[in-house]
Amino acid sequence: MRTLSAYQEFIDYFAEINWKEIWRGSEQTLQMLGWSMLFTVLLGLALGVLLFLTTRGQLLENKIVYTVLSYVINILRSVPFIILMISMIELTKVIVGTSIGVKGAIPPLVIAAAPFFARLVETSLREVDRGVIEAAQAMGASKWTIIWRVMLREARTGIIAAITITAVTLVSYTAMAGAIGAGGLGDLAIRYGYQRFRPDILVVTVGLLIVLVQLLQTLGDWLVRRLTRK
C-alpha cells in the first residue's frame, strides 16, 4: 500500500505538466544544438587547422596571422555567452532576419562555440607525431594531402573528443539562450519553472538536459574507443 501511495504521489506531482510544451521545447533545443553544432564544427575546424598551420615551424608559418587570429579567438572565448548573445542582436537580425527563436539563437551559439572548438582542434593537432608529417613531406606529398590525409587523420580521435566536449557545452548554451527568447527547454525552465514557481517543470527540463548530455557523452566516448582500436 505504501508503495502504491508513493507511486500515486509521483504521478500526481507531474499531472499538471503540458507534455506538448515539453516536447516542443525539446524539439527546439535539438534544432538549436544540431544546426549550431554543424556550423561550429565547420568554422571551428577551419580556424583550428589555420591556427596550427600558422604556428612556428609548421607548413604555413605566419606570426602575424597566428597572433591576430589567436587574439580574436581569445576575446570571443572570454565573453560570457549571455552577454555575447545580447550584444549580437543587431548582427543576428542581419544574418538570419530575427534575433529570437531557434533561428535567432544559432549565430551567437556558433560565435561562442567555434573559438572554443578551434582551440581544442589546435591542441589535438599539436599531439600529432611530427615524424609522421616529416615523412609525408619527404615523400613529396602536397600541403593539402598532408593536412587532410595525415594531420586530420592522425588527430581524429582528439577531434571527435573535442566535438563531444563542444556539443555538451552547447547544450548549456542553448539553455541560457532561452533566457532571451530563443525557446527550448531553457525557456520553459525560466518561464514556467522559475517565474511561475513550477518545480515540476524544472525537474523535467533539467532531467531532459541531463539525459541529452549523457547521450552525447556516451556516443562521443564510443566513437573515440572505436577509432582508437582502428
Foldseek 3Di string as FASTA:
>chain_A
DVVVVVVVVVCVLQVPDDVVQQVVQAVQLVLLLVLLLVLLCVLLLVLLLVLQQCPPPHVNPDPVVNVVSVVLLVVLQVDPLLVLLVVCQVVLCVVQVGCAESSNLRVSLSSNLNSVLSNQSNVLLVPFDVVQLVVCVVVPHDPVCCVPVPRCLRSVLSSLVSSLVSSLVSSVSCLSSLVPHHGHLNVCCVVCVPPVVSVSSVVVSVVVNVVVNVVSVVVSVVVSVVSVVD
